[in-house]
Amino acid sequence: MTTQGSFSPLVRSIHSGCESGGEGATPMNPRKRPVVLLAALMLVVTACGTDDGGEVRQIDDSGGSVSVSASGTGSASGTGSASASATGTGSASGTGTGSASASGSATGTGSASGTGTGSASASGSATGTGSATGSASGSASVVGSGVSGAMGGYRPVSDVASHARAVLDVCDINGLLPKDAPIDYDAVLEIYEVGGNSVKGDGSIRTIAGFARSERQEPIWDDYVAYYGDPTWLDTFVMAAIEGTGPFAGESDLVRRQGIQKGIQNQIMIAWAIHELVDALDRAVGGDFDTASGAPHVWDEGWAFYHGDAPDCGPYATADKRGGNFGTGTAVNDALAAAFTRGVEALAAGDEAAARAASEEIIRQITITYLQATIRYANKMDSALANGDADSARISQAEGWAFYRVIEPLVAAASPEVATAVASRLDLSLGDPQSGTAGLVMGALPSVYASLGIDPHEIGTLNPDDLFVPAEPAGIVPGEDADVDAIVLAYRTVFDSTVPFDNKVPFLEDAESLRDTNTEYQAAAEAMGGISLEPVSVVIDGDQAQVTYDILFSGSVAYSDLAGDAQRIDGNWKISRERFCGFMASARVSCPAG
């Protein structure tokens, strides 16, 4: 058990400041190592548009466009047909009436087909295809849809194939994070900074670090920057884990692994998805509802970063895993797919208000996943400590912290006290794993559900295999000693925030002068789901007693083995004014001068 003198955590200092920057751009950085850029010959059919390829028609697995021309010999006039397929730089062949050859060009991969009409005149005759005399010419053009195929339960309305491949970089990084072998941090950094799977329309590489290091000014993002006091808070966390600096200094590979994996797969990819929603809404406000490059396209990008070509490597997988832990199954991902769909349909129809409502539901659903994750790893911390495994507890602490950072500013907006209380147990820089973390987290977080628009049933119930159940204290046997029973009753009554003050008066020294203090205490304790104290041992020496007790938030142990006392006054065991006011001070409640 770990003894804590106060259950009020240090308050994180908050600073603000950010600058604008481009999506996915990689600014100059002293950590950046020289790289060799691979040049690829791209045969582009249409002109490039935005830097992320939003206006480029490509031949790829989700559609695209290609034009073909055909010429041949024969004597004929009428109609012909052509089909084309291309991979890489692209090639095409076509057939028509008589013999024909066709050429085409495309960028990307995929196929396209279509029909066209042509006319020809010549002398001579031809039969079948491929042989004739004379000359003839004709042309046909083929235009594809430019729309990516379905990704899970969501169907984009534009081409976001290259964006969806960004998740493949996450897969590559996860593959470099073994549990049972040394981690090649240089290789991890290479993929983080250089990427390779997600190619923009202009041929440049979209990178995870490029997004994480971009400074911008926009709703939601600005709140996170202000809370963490860091315009590149995503990159700061991940680079600390990669380099073993800051909160990850001196930590094991298994601890740093959690910072890298969860920092990238969850913090960065969730932030990237939300950024696209915000950008889409901004474009909608400006009236840009173009499906191929405007608000609907950018909205599609949000799902591409959340789900992508490899959903097992993105936040999508985390939501399903936590749903499995809490008995809610695929509820979050199902709701997200539906909300994304409502949003893109609204934008396609020019309805910015409906899309904004959909974005709020998306953020609400995302919050559910990371509340679940925070609760789960708080429990895993306590279970490991109870088994005497401090190393595993530290790993769970790092994992819980990485997950919690996704929603910490949202929790802080609902209750700064709850946000910092939870962070005080999970933030690696604030100390080692402490017993009672599960009780603190499970007692504190439910108090902000309503403010976050979340019903408790949406969180579900943590499965028994993950739930930490503390052992019953064995130090006190009710009915064995009347004095001990009286002291236990005094502690339970006086310090229980839900007990009416009049019931506390017989057990509290100078009680009437502390009535207003108790009222403030009750209000403060609501943020923790109620506070109570439970004695676990009592040693009596005359009219004095030494009491060891636990602090419970919402009925679960949050702090263990704290030291207190009780006094026999006029024949009755009471809590002294000094002891009561000392505890109130730890709850940030003041007593009147006495």
Foldseek 3Di string as FASTA:
>chain_A
DDFDLFLFFDFDDFAFDFDAFDALAADDDPVDDDDDDDDADADADDDADDFQRLPGFFAEAFKGWKWKWKWAAFAWFKFFFFFAAAAAQGFGFTWTAAEIGMTITGHYHHTWGDTAGFTFHFDWHGDDYDDTDGITTTTGTTGMQQFGQDFPLAGANHHPQLLLQQLVLLVVLLVQQDPPDDGPLVVNVCCQRQNDRRAGPVRHHRHLNSNLPGIRDFPPLRLLCRGVVHRNVLCVQQVCLSVCDDLSPPPDSLLSSLSNLLSRQPQSLLVQLLVLLRQLLVQLVVVFLDRSRHSSSSLVSSVSSQCGPHNCSHVQVLQQVLCVQFVNHNVLVVLLNVLSNQLSVCSNVSNSVSNVVSSLSNVLSLVLSLLSLLLLLLLVLQVCVVVVNQSSNSSSLSNSLSSCSNCLSVLVVQPSSLSSSLCCQRRSNNDGHDHQSNQQSVQQVVLRCVVSVHDVVSNHHGDPVRGHDDDDQDADDPPPDPQVVQQQVLQQQQQWLPHQLVVNVVAEPPSVQCNVLSVVVNVLLSNRNIKGKGWRHWDDDPFKIKTFIFIGRNRTGRRGGYIDMWGQDPNGIHHYPVRSQSNSVSSVGHGPDD
